[in-house]
Amino acid sequence: MKAIFVTGGKQYYVQEGDTIYVEKLDVEERKSIDFEEVLAVGDKTGTPYVKGAKVTCEVAKHGKQKKILVFKYRPKKKYRKTQGHRQPYTKLVVKKIVG
């Protein structure tokens, strides 16, 4: 069964057994988390959410993505600035879809 759910302001299209990377969540590793904001399950869609549907996931790990460099400059003004950023993430494994 496939589903679309919302977390961190983004929508994810998943099925059981998938591994996804989402915005960092405050859940310990190896713990389970339920997502109630399900937009679609199989052929059923809701307005805005499907009633009684949920996606259960297990937290595999937390981490940070590779560093990206942000470079700003102003031409002819001798202004240059370099800044790095590493976005934190949570790796989830989809265990069960109820709907």
PDB file of N, CA and C in Angstrom:
ATOM      1  N   MET A   1       0.845  -1.171   0.000  1.00  0.00           N
ATOM      2  CA  MET A   1       0.000   0.000   0.000  1.00  0.00           C
ATOM      3  C   MET A   1       0.894   1.240   0.000  1.00  0.00           C
ATOM      4  N   LYS A   2       0.462   2.282  -0.692  1.00  0.00           N
ATOM      5  CA  LYS A   2       1.225   3.522  -0.803  1.00  0.00           C
ATOM      6  C   LYS A   2       0.454   4.647  -0.123  1.00  0.00           C
ATOM      7  N   ALA A   3       1.198   5.650   0.338  1.00  0.00           N
ATOM      8  CA  ALA A   3       0.571   6.773   1.029  1.00  0.00           C
ATOM      9  C   ALA A   3       1.386   8.041   0.805  1.00  0.00           C
ATOM     10  N   ILE A   4       0.709   9.177   1.006  1.00  0.00           N
ATOM     11  CA  ILE A   4       1.351  10.486   0.976  1.00  0.00           C
ATOM     12  C   ILE A   4       1.097  11.137   2.330  1.00  0.00           C
ATOM     13  N   PHE A   5       2.181  11.518   3.029  1.00  0.00           N
ATOM     14  CA  PHE A   5       2.012  12.173   4.320  1.00  0.00           C
ATOM     15  C   PHE A   5       2.873  13.420   4.394  1.00  0.00           C
ATOM     16  N   VAL A   6       2.596  14.244   5.423  1.00  0.00           N
ATOM     17  CA  VAL A   6       3.248  15.539   5.563  1.00  0.00           C
ATOM     18  C   VAL A   6       4.064  15.562   6.851  1.00  0.00           C
ATOM     19  N   THR A   7       5.314  16.027   6.767  1.00  0.00           N
ATOM     20  CA  THR A   7       6.132  16.320   7.932  1.00  0.00           C
ATOM     21  C   THR A   7       7.177  17.353   7.545  1.00  0.00           C
ATOM     22  N   GLY A   8       7.441  18.272   8.449  1.00  0.00           N
ATOM     23  CA  GLY A   8       8.435  19.304   8.193  1.00  0.00           C
ATOM     24  C   GLY A   8       8.065  20.226   7.047  1.00  0.00           C
ATOM     25  N   GLY A   9       6.768  20.364   6.745  1.00  0.00           N
ATOM     26  CA  GLY A   9       6.333  21.235   5.666  1.00  0.00           C
ATOM     27  C   GLY A   9       6.512  20.644   4.281  1.00  0.00           C
ATOM     28  N   LYS A  10       6.842  19.353   4.204  1.00  0.00           N
ATOM     29  CA  LYS A  10       7.038  18.685   2.914  1.00  0.00           C
ATOM     30  C   LYS A  10       6.158  17.444   2.842  1.00  0.00           C
ATOM     31  N   GLN A  11       5.859  17.019   1.621  1.00  0.00           N
ATOM     32  CA  GLN A  11       5.043  15.830   1.410  1.00  0.00           C
ATOM     33  C   GLN A  11       5.936  14.695   0.915  1.00  0.00           C
ATOM     34  N   TYR A  12       5.676  13.483   1.422  1.00  0.00           N
ATOM     35  CA  TYR A  12       6.470  12.310   1.076  1.00  0.00           C
ATOM     36  C   TYR A  12       5.549  11.210   0.575  1.00  0.00           C
ATOM     37  N   TYR A  13       5.902  10.621  -0.563  1.00  0.00           N
ATOM     38  CA  TYR A  13       5.154   9.525  -1.177  1.00  0.00           C
ATOM     39  C   TYR A  13       5.905   8.242  -0.858  1.00  0.00           C
ATOM     40  N   VAL A  14       5.321   7.361  -0.041  1.00  0.00           N
ATOM     41  CA  VAL A  14       6.030   6.195   0.472  1.00  0.00           C
ATOM     42  C   VAL A  14       5.183   4.936   0.355  1.00  0.00           C
ATOM     43  N   GLN A  15       5.875   3.804   0.501  1.00  0.00           N
ATOM     44  CA  GLN A  15       5.209   2.515   0.671  1.00  0.00           C
ATOM     45  C   GLN A  15       5.967   1.768   1.755  1.00  0.00           C
ATOM     46  N   GLU A  16       5.401   0.674   2.249  1.00  0.00           N
ATOM     47  CA  GLU A  16       6.008  -0.061   3.353  1.00  0.00           C
ATOM     48  C   GLU A  16       7.393  -0.560   2.954  1.00  0.00           C
ATOM     49  N   GLY A  17       8.360  -0.365   3.853  1.00  0.00           N
ATOM     50  CA  GLY A  17       9.727  -0.792   3.610  1.00  0.00           C
ATOM     51  C   GLY A  17      10.633   0.295   3.046  1.00  0.00           C
ATOM     52  N   ASP A  18      10.088   1.446   2.657  1.00  0.00           N
ATOM     53  CA  ASP A  18      10.896   2.531   2.105  1.00  0.00           C
ATOM     54  C   ASP A  18      11.747   3.192   3.186  1.00  0.00           C
ATOM     55  N   THR A  19      12.879   3.747   2.770  1.00  0.00           N
ATOM     56  CA  THR A  19      13.739   4.536   3.635  1.00  0.00           C
ATOM     57  C   THR A  19      13.737   5.967   3.114  1.00  0.00           C
ATOM     58  N   ILE A  20      13.438   6.930   4.011  1.00  0.00           N
ATOM     59  CA  ILE A  20      13.371   8.326   3.597  1.00  0.00           C
ATOM     60  C   ILE A  20      14.162   9.190   4.570  1.00  0.00           C
ATOM     61  N   TYR A  21      14.571  10.368   4.099  1.00  0.00           N
ATOM     62  CA  TYR A  21      15.274  11.351   4.910  1.00  0.00           C
ATOM     63  C   TYR A  21      14.359  12.563   5.053  1.00  0.00           C
ATOM     64  N   VAL A  22      14.065  12.959   6.304  1.00  0.00           N
ATOM     65  CA  VAL A  22      13.164  14.079   6.573  1.00  0.00           C
ATOM     66  C   VAL A  22      13.888  15.106   7.442  1.00  0.00           C
ATOM     67  N   GLU A  23      13.257  16.267   7.636  1.00  0.00           N
ATOM     68  CA  GLU A  23      13.788  17.269   8.547  1.00  0.00           C
ATOM     69  C   GLU A  23      13.934  16.651   9.937  1.00  0.00           C
ATOM     70  N   LYS A  24      14.893  17.141  10.713  1.00  0.00           N
ATOM     71  CA  LYS A  24      15.207  16.530  12.004  1.00  0.00           C
ATOM     72  C   LYS A  24      13.997  16.507  12.934  1.00  0.00           C
ATOM     73  N   LEU A  25      13.745  15.343  13.551  1.00  0.00           N
ATOM     74  CA  LEU A  25      12.648  15.145  14.494  1.00  0.00           C
ATOM     75  C   LEU A  25      13.217  14.870  15.879  1.00  0.00           C
ATOM     76  N   ASP A  26      12.493  15.273  16.930  1.00  0.00           N
ATOM     77  CA  ASP A  26      12.928  15.030  18.307  1.00  0.00           C
ATOM     78  C   ASP A  26      12.419  13.680  18.788  1.00  0.00           C
ATOM     79  N   VAL A  27      12.954  12.609  18.226  1.00  0.00           N
ATOM     80  CA  VAL A  27      12.620  11.245  18.610  1.00  0.00           C
ATOM     81  C   VAL A  27      13.931  10.473  18.700  1.00  0.00           C
ATOM     82  N   GLU A  28      14.062   9.616  19.721  1.00  0.00           N
ATOM     83  CA  GLU A  28      15.282   8.840  19.882  1.00  0.00           C
ATOM     84  C   GLU A  28      15.400   7.781  18.789  1.00  0.00           C
ATOM     85  N   GLU A  29      16.633   7.344  18.536  1.00  0.00           N
ATOM     86  CA  GLU A  29      16.864   6.289  17.548  1.00  0.00           C
ATOM     87  C   GLU A  29      16.227   4.988  18.022  1.00  0.00           C
ATOM     88  N   ARG A  30      15.795   4.174  17.048  1.00  0.00           N
ATOM     89  CA  ARG A  30      15.142   2.881  17.280  1.00  0.00           C
ATOM     90  C   ARG A  30      13.752   3.006  17.896  1.00  0.00           C
ATOM     91  N   LYS A  31      13.218   4.236  17.993  1.00  0.00           N
ATOM     92  CA  LYS A  31      11.854   4.436  18.486  1.00  0.00           C
ATOM     93  C   LYS A  31      10.919   4.570  17.296  1.00  0.00           C
ATOM     94  N   SER A  32       9.637   4.372  17.556  1.00  0.00           N
ATOM     95  CA  SER A  32       8.620   4.439  16.508  1.00  0.00           C
ATOM     96  C   SER A  32       7.899   5.784  16.584  1.00  0.00           C
ATOM     97  N   ILE A  33       7.462   6.283  15.434  1.00  0.00           N
ATOM     98  CA  ILE A  33       6.724   7.541  15.367  1.00  0.00           C
ATOM     99  C   ILE A  33       5.575   7.371  14.382  1.00  0.00           C
ATOM    100  N   ASP A  34       4.406   7.950  14.730  1.00  0.00           N
ATOM    101  CA  ASP A  34       3.222   7.884  13.874  1.00  0.00           C
ATOM    102  C   ASP A  34       2.966   9.255  13.261  1.00  0.00           C
ATOM    103  N   PHE A  35       2.636   9.269  11.982  1.00  0.00           N
ATOM    104  CA  PHE A  35       2.266  10.498  11.279  1.00  0.00           C
ATOM    105  C   PHE A  35       0.781  10.423  10.976  1.00  0.00           C
ATOM    106  N   GLU A  36       0.016  11.359  11.543  1.00  0.00           N
ATOM    107  CA  GLU A  36      -1.441  11.384  11.392  1.00  0.00           C
ATOM    108  C   GLU A  36      -1.885  12.229  10.194  1.00  0.00           C
ATOM    109  N   GLU A  37      -1.026  13.120   9.713  1.00  0.00           N
ATOM    110  CA  GLU A  37      -1.381  14.004   8.602  1.00  0.00           C
ATOM    111  C   GLU A  37      -1.150  13.288   7.272  1.00  0.00           C
ATOM    112  N   VAL A  38      -2.082  12.395   6.921  1.00  0.00           N
ATOM    113  CA  VAL A  38      -1.973  11.586   5.708  1.00  0.00           C
ATOM    114  C   VAL A  38      -2.907  12.176   4.659  1.00  0.00           C
ATOM    115  N   LEU A  39      -2.350  12.519   3.499  1.00  0.00           N
ATOM    116  CA  LEU A  39      -3.139  13.137   2.429  1.00  0.00           C
ATOM    117  C   LEU A  39      -3.837  12.108   1.556  1.00  0.00           C
ATOM    118  N   ALA A  40      -3.211  10.947   1.353  1.00  0.00           N
ATOM    119  CA  ALA A  40      -3.789   9.910   0.501  1.00  0.00           C
ATOM    120  C   ALA A  40      -3.261   8.545   0.930  1.00  0.00           C
ATOM    121  N   VAL A  41      -4.153   7.542   0.861  1.00  0.00           N
ATOM    122  CA  VAL A  41      -3.770   6.153   1.123  1.00  0.00           C
ATOM    123  C   VAL A  41      -4.365   5.327  -0.006  1.00  0.00           C
ATOM    124  N   GLY A  42      -3.508   4.690  -0.803  1.00  0.00           N
ATOM    125  CA  GLY A  42      -4.005   3.912  -1.937  1.00  0.00           C
ATOM    126  C   GLY A  42      -4.782   4.807  -2.884  1.00  0.00           C
ATOM    127  N   ASP A  43      -6.088   4.523  -3.041  1.00  0.00           N
ATOM    128  CA  ASP A  43      -6.947   5.326  -3.904  1.00  0.00           C
ATOM    129  C   ASP A  43      -7.748   6.363  -3.131  1.00  0.00           C
ATOM    130  N   LYS A  44      -7.732   6.295  -1.797  1.00  0.00           N
ATOM    131  CA  LYS A  44      -8.507   7.224  -0.969  1.00  0.00           C
ATOM    132  C   LYS A  44      -7.750   8.538  -0.790  1.00  0.00           C
ATOM    133  N   THR A  45      -8.460   9.650  -0.974  1.00  0.00           N
ATOM    134  CA  THR A  45      -7.891  10.962  -0.700  1.00  0.00           C
ATOM    135  C   THR A  45      -8.802  11.670   0.284  1.00  0.00           C
ATOM    136  N   GLY A  46      -8.268  12.615   1.013  1.00  0.00           N
ATOM    137  CA  GLY A  46      -9.047  13.344   2.004  1.00  0.00           C
ATOM    138  C   GLY A  46      -9.013  14.824   1.735  1.00  0.00           C
ATOM    139  N   THR A  47      -9.872  15.554   2.472  1.00  0.00           N
ATOM    140  CA  THR A  47      -9.888  17.005   2.363  1.00  0.00           C
ATOM    141  C   THR A  47      -9.773  17.595   3.748  1.00  0.00           C
ATOM    142  N   PRO A  48      -8.675  18.021   4.267  1.00  0.00           N
ATOM    143  CA  PRO A  48      -7.358  17.865   3.677  1.00  0.00           C
ATOM    144  C   PRO A  48      -6.697  16.526   4.007  1.00  0.00           C
ATOM    145  N   TYR A  49      -7.114  15.862   5.098  1.00  0.00           N
ATOM    146  CA  TYR A  49      -6.456  14.616   5.500  1.00  0.00           C
ATOM    147  C   TYR A  49      -7.435  13.446   5.501  1.00  0.00           C
ATOM    148  N   VAL A  50      -6.922  12.228   5.348  1.00  0.00           N
ATOM    149  CA  VAL A  50      -7.735  11.022   5.397  1.00  0.00           C
ATOM    150  C   VAL A  50      -7.981  10.692   6.868  1.00  0.00           C
ATOM    151  N   LYS A  51      -9.250  10.539   7.247  1.00  0.00           N
ATOM    152  CA  LYS A  51      -9.587  10.260   8.643  1.00  0.00           C
ATOM    153  C   LYS A  51      -9.187   8.836   9.006  1.00  0.00           C
ATOM    154  N   GLY A  52      -8.561   8.688  10.167  1.00  0.00           N
ATOM    155  CA  GLY A  52      -8.192   7.371  10.668  1.00  0.00           C
ATOM    156  C   GLY A  52      -6.955   6.766  10.038  1.00  0.00           C
ATOM    157  N   ALA A  53      -6.316   7.465   9.132  1.00  0.00           N
ATOM    158  CA  ALA A  53      -5.125   6.929   8.464  1.00  0.00           C
ATOM    159  C   ALA A  53      -3.876   7.390   9.199  1.00  0.00           C
ATOM    160  N   LYS A  54      -2.860   6.532   9.215  1.00  0.00           N
ATOM    161  CA  LYS A  54      -1.576   6.915   9.798  1.00  0.00           C
ATOM    162  C   LYS A  54      -0.460   6.111   9.173  1.00  0.00           C
ATOM    163  N   VAL A  55       0.728   6.702   9.201  1.00  0.00           N
ATOM    164  CA  VAL A  55       1.936   6.057   8.703  1.00  0.00           C
ATOM    165  C   VAL A  55       2.862   5.878   9.899  1.00  0.00           C
ATOM    166  N   THR A  56       3.270   4.631  10.162  1.00  0.00           N
ATOM    167  CA  THR A  56       4.155   4.333  11.275  1.00  0.00           C
ATOM    168  C   THR A  56       5.566   4.115  10.738  1.00  0.00           C
ATOM    169  N   CYS A  57       6.525   4.839  11.330  1.00  0.00           N
ATOM    170  CA  CYS A  57       7.916   4.762  10.899  1.00  0.00           C
ATOM    171  C   CYS A  57       8.818   4.499  12.098  1.00  0.00           C
ATOM    172  N   GLU A  58       9.981   3.926  11.825  1.00  0.00           N
ATOM    173  CA  GLU A  58      10.995   3.727  12.849  1.00  0.00           C
ATOM    174  C   GLU A  58      12.175   4.636  12.536  1.00  0.00           C
ATOM    175  N   VAL A  59      12.695   5.307  13.575  1.00  0.00           N
ATOM    176  CA  VAL A  59      13.828   6.202  13.402  1.00  0.00           C
ATOM    177  C   VAL A  59      15.097   5.362  13.314  1.00  0.00           C
ATOM    178  N   ALA A  60      15.772   5.402  12.171  1.00  0.00           N
ATOM    179  CA  ALA A  60      16.994   4.624  11.978  1.00  0.00           C
ATOM    180  C   ALA A  60      18.204   5.372  12.533  1.00  0.00           C
ATOM    181  N   LYS A  61      18.317   6.671  12.215  1.00  0.00           N
ATOM    182  CA  LYS A  61      19.434   7.453  12.744  1.00  0.00           C
ATOM    183  C   LYS A  61      19.198   8.928  12.505  1.00  0.00           C
ATOM    184  N   HIS A  62      20.008   9.743  13.195  1.00  0.00           N
ATOM    185  CA  HIS A  62      20.054  11.181  12.986  1.00  0.00           C
ATOM    186  C   HIS A  62      21.421  11.529  12.425  1.00  0.00           C
ATOM    187  N   GLY A  63      21.506  12.613  11.680  1.00  0.00           N
ATOM    188  CA  GLY A  63      22.797  13.003  11.134  1.00  0.00           C
ATOM    189  C   GLY A  63      22.732  14.370  10.487  1.00  0.00           C
ATOM    190  N   LYS A  64      23.828  14.715   9.810  1.00  0.00           N
ATOM    191  CA  LYS A  64      23.912  15.966   9.067  1.00  0.00           C
ATOM    192  C   LYS A  64      24.323  15.658   7.636  1.00  0.00           C
ATOM    193  N   GLN A  65      23.773  16.424   6.698  1.00  0.00           N
ATOM    194  CA  GLN A  65      24.116  16.249   5.297  1.00  0.00           C
ATOM    195  C   GLN A  65      25.502  16.800   5.025  1.00  0.00           C
ATOM    196  N   LYS A  66      25.975  16.615   3.793  1.00  0.00           N
ATOM    197  CA  LYS A  66      27.283  17.158   3.410  1.00  0.00           C
ATOM    198  C   LYS A  66      27.237  18.680   3.456  1.00  0.00           C
ATOM    199  N   LYS A  67      28.389  19.266   3.704  1.00  0.00           N
ATOM    200  CA  LYS A  67      28.474  20.716   3.816  1.00  0.00           C
ATOM    201  C   LYS A  67      28.309  21.372   2.447  1.00  0.00           C
ATOM    202  N   ILE A  68      27.513  22.432   2.428  1.00  0.00           N
ATOM    203  CA  ILE A  68      27.415  23.267   1.226  1.00  0.00           C
ATOM    204  C   ILE A  68      28.061  24.603   1.541  1.00  0.00           C
ATOM    205  N   LEU A  69      28.653  25.228   0.554  1.00  0.00           N
ATOM    206  CA  LEU A  69      29.287  26.523   0.731  1.00  0.00           C
ATOM    207  C   LEU A  69      28.424  27.607   0.106  1.00  0.00           C
ATOM    208  N   VAL A  70      28.223  28.669   0.874  1.00  0.00           N
ATOM    209  CA  VAL A  70      27.478  29.833   0.407  1.00  0.00           C
ATOM    210  C   VAL A  70      28.492  30.943   0.216  1.00  0.00           C
ATOM    211  N   PHE A  71      28.613  31.464  -1.010  1.00  0.00           N
ATOM    212  CA  PHE A  71      29.604  32.498  -1.326  1.00  0.00           C
ATOM    213  C   PHE A  71      28.884  33.743  -1.809  1.00  0.00           C
ATOM    214  N   LYS A  72      29.121  34.844  -1.120  1.00  0.00           N
ATOM    215  CA  LYS A  72      28.515  36.116  -1.505  1.00  0.00           C
ATOM    216  C   LYS A  72      29.624  37.086  -1.900  1.00  0.00           C
ATOM    217  N   TYR A  73      29.352  37.916  -2.870  1.00  0.00           N
ATOM    218  CA  TYR A  73      30.315  38.961  -3.224  1.00  0.00           C
ATOM    219  C   TYR A  73      29.598  40.097  -3.926  1.00  0.00           C
ATOM    220  N   ARG A  74      30.243  41.264  -3.883  1.00  0.00           N
ATOM    221  CA  ARG A  74      29.766  42.435  -4.594  1.00  0.00           C
ATOM    222  C   ARG A  74      30.852  42.822  -5.602  1.00  0.00           C
ATOM    223  N   PRO A  75      30.509  42.880  -6.850  1.00  0.00           N
ATOM    224  CA  PRO A  75      31.536  43.229  -7.832  1.00  0.00           C
ATOM    225  C   PRO A  75      32.077  44.649  -7.609  1.00  0.00           C
ATOM    226  N   LYS A  76      33.381  44.794  -7.785  1.00  0.00           N
ATOM    227  CA  LYS A  76      34.097  46.073  -7.722  1.00  0.00           C
ATOM    228  C   LYS A  76      34.095  46.713  -6.337  1.00  0.00           C
ATOM    229  N   LYS A  77      33.712  45.980  -5.275  1.00  0.00           N
ATOM    230  CA  LYS A  77      33.647  46.567  -3.939  1.00  0.00           C
ATOM    231  C   LYS A  77      34.547  45.855  -2.924  1.00  0.00           C
ATOM    232  N   LYS A  78      35.293  44.828  -3.348  1.00  0.00           N
ATOM    233  CA  LYS A  78      36.175  44.047  -2.481  1.00  0.00           C
ATOM    234  C   LYS A  78      35.431  43.412  -1.309  1.00  0.00           C
ATOM    235  N   TYR A  79      34.186  42.996  -1.558  1.00  0.00           N
ATOM    236  CA  TYR A  79      33.400  42.318  -0.529  1.00  0.00           C
ATOM    237  C   TYR A  79      33.240  40.858  -0.925  1.00  0.00           C
ATOM    238  N   ARG A  80      33.745  39.967  -0.080  1.00  0.00           N
ATOM    239  CA  ARG A  80      33.594  38.535  -0.300  1.00  0.00           C
ATOM    240  C   ARG A  80      33.315  37.876   1.038  1.00  0.00           C
ATOM    241  N   LYS A  81      32.374  36.944   1.059  1.00  0.00           N
ATOM    242  CA  LYS A  81      32.025  36.257   2.295  1.00  0.00           C
ATOM    243  C   LYS A  81      31.722  34.802   1.969  1.00  0.00           C
ATOM    244  N   THR A  82      32.358  33.881   2.681  1.00  0.00           N
ATOM    245  CA  THR A  82      32.119  32.459   2.508  1.00  0.00           C
ATOM    246  C   THR A  82      31.520  31.912   3.797  1.00  0.00           C
ATOM    247  N   GLN A  83      30.475  31.110   3.649  1.00  0.00           N
ATOM    248  CA  GLN A  83      29.796  30.543   4.808  1.00  0.00           C
ATOM    249  C   GLN A  83      29.422  29.112   4.484  1.00  0.00           C
ATOM    250  N   GLY A  84      29.532  28.209   5.462  1.00  0.00           N
ATOM    251  CA  GLY A  84      29.162  26.813   5.266  1.00  0.00           C
ATOM    252  C   GLY A  84      27.882  26.481   6.003  1.00  0.00           C
ATOM    253  N   HIS A  85      27.195  25.420   5.563  1.00  0.00           N
ATOM    254  CA  HIS A  85      25.952  24.993   6.214  1.00  0.00           C
ATOM    255  C   HIS A  85      25.799  23.482   6.066  1.00  0.00           C
ATOM    256  N   ARG A  86      25.417  22.816   7.168  1.00  0.00           N
ATOM    257  CA  ARG A  86      25.103  21.390   7.154  1.00  0.00           C
ATOM    258  C   ARG A  86      23.705  21.209   7.728  1.00  0.00           C
ATOM    259  N   GLN A  87      22.786  20.702   6.919  1.00  0.00           N
ATOM    260  CA  GLN A  87      21.391  20.550   7.319  1.00  0.00           C
ATOM    261  C   GLN A  87      21.216  19.254   8.110  1.00  0.00           C
ATOM    262  N   PRO A  88      20.630  19.309   9.324  1.00  0.00           N
ATOM    263  CA  PRO A  88      20.379  18.078  10.071  1.00  0.00           C
ATOM    264  C   PRO A  88      19.196  17.312   9.477  1.00  0.00           C
ATOM    265  N   TYR A  89      19.230  15.976   9.603  1.00  0.00           N
ATOM    266  CA  TYR A  89      18.163  15.143   9.059  1.00  0.00           C
ATOM    267  C   TYR A  89      17.876  13.977   9.995  1.00  0.00           C
ATOM    268  N   THR A  90      16.750  13.310   9.758  1.00  0.00           N
ATOM    269  CA  THR A  90      16.382  12.072  10.435  1.00  0.00           C
ATOM    270  C   THR A  90      16.089  11.040   9.363  1.00  0.00           C
ATOM    271  N   LYS A  91      16.689   9.871   9.487  1.00  0.00           N
ATOM    272  CA  LYS A  91      16.468   8.784   8.537  1.00  0.00           C
ATOM    273  C   LYS A  91      15.359   7.895   9.089  1.00  0.00           C
ATOM    274  N   LEU A  92      14.285   7.705   8.298  1.00  0.00           N
ATOM    275  CA  LEU A  92      13.124   6.922   8.721  1.00  0.00           C
ATOM    276  C   LEU A  92      12.952   5.697   7.838  1.00  0.00           C
ATOM    277  N   VAL A  93      12.473   4.609   8.450  1.00  0.00           N
ATOM    278  CA  VAL A  93      12.102   3.400   7.711  1.00  0.00           C
ATOM    279  C   VAL A  93      10.607   3.212   7.920  1.00  0.00           C
ATOM    280  N   VAL A  94       9.837   3.158   6.825  1.00  0.00           N
ATOM    281  CA  VAL A  94       8.383   3.024   6.902  1.00  0.00           C
ATOM    282  C   VAL A  94       8.040   1.579   7.248  1.00  0.00           C
ATOM    283  N   LYS A  95       7.356   1.384   8.380  1.00  0.00           N
ATOM    284  CA  LYS A  95       7.014   0.035   8.849  1.00  0.00           C
ATOM    285  C   LYS A  95       5.594  -0.373   8.477  1.00  0.00           C
ATOM    286  N   LYS A  96       4.631   0.554   8.624  1.00  0.00           N
ATOM    287  CA  LYS A  96       3.230   0.178   8.471  1.00  0.00           C
ATOM    288  C   LYS A  96       2.411   1.364   8.002  1.00  0.00           C
ATOM    289  N   ILE A  97       1.460   1.105   7.109  1.00  0.00           N
ATOM    290  CA  ILE A  97       0.538   2.126   6.639  1.00  0.00           C
ATOM    291  C   ILE A  97      -0.891   1.639   6.937  1.00  0.00           C
ATOM    292  N   VAL A  98      -1.620   2.419   7.722  1.00  0.00           N
ATOM    293  CA  VAL A  98      -2.995   2.072   8.098  1.00  0.00           C
ATOM    294  C   VAL A  98      -3.924   3.071   7.450  1.00  0.00           C
ATOM    295  N   GLY A  99      -4.951   2.605   6.802  1.00  0.00           N
ATOM    296  CA  GLY A  99      -5.866   3.550   6.192  1.00  0.00           C
ATOM    297  C   GLY A  99      -7.004   2.846   5.619  1.00  0.00           C
TER     298      GLY A  99
END
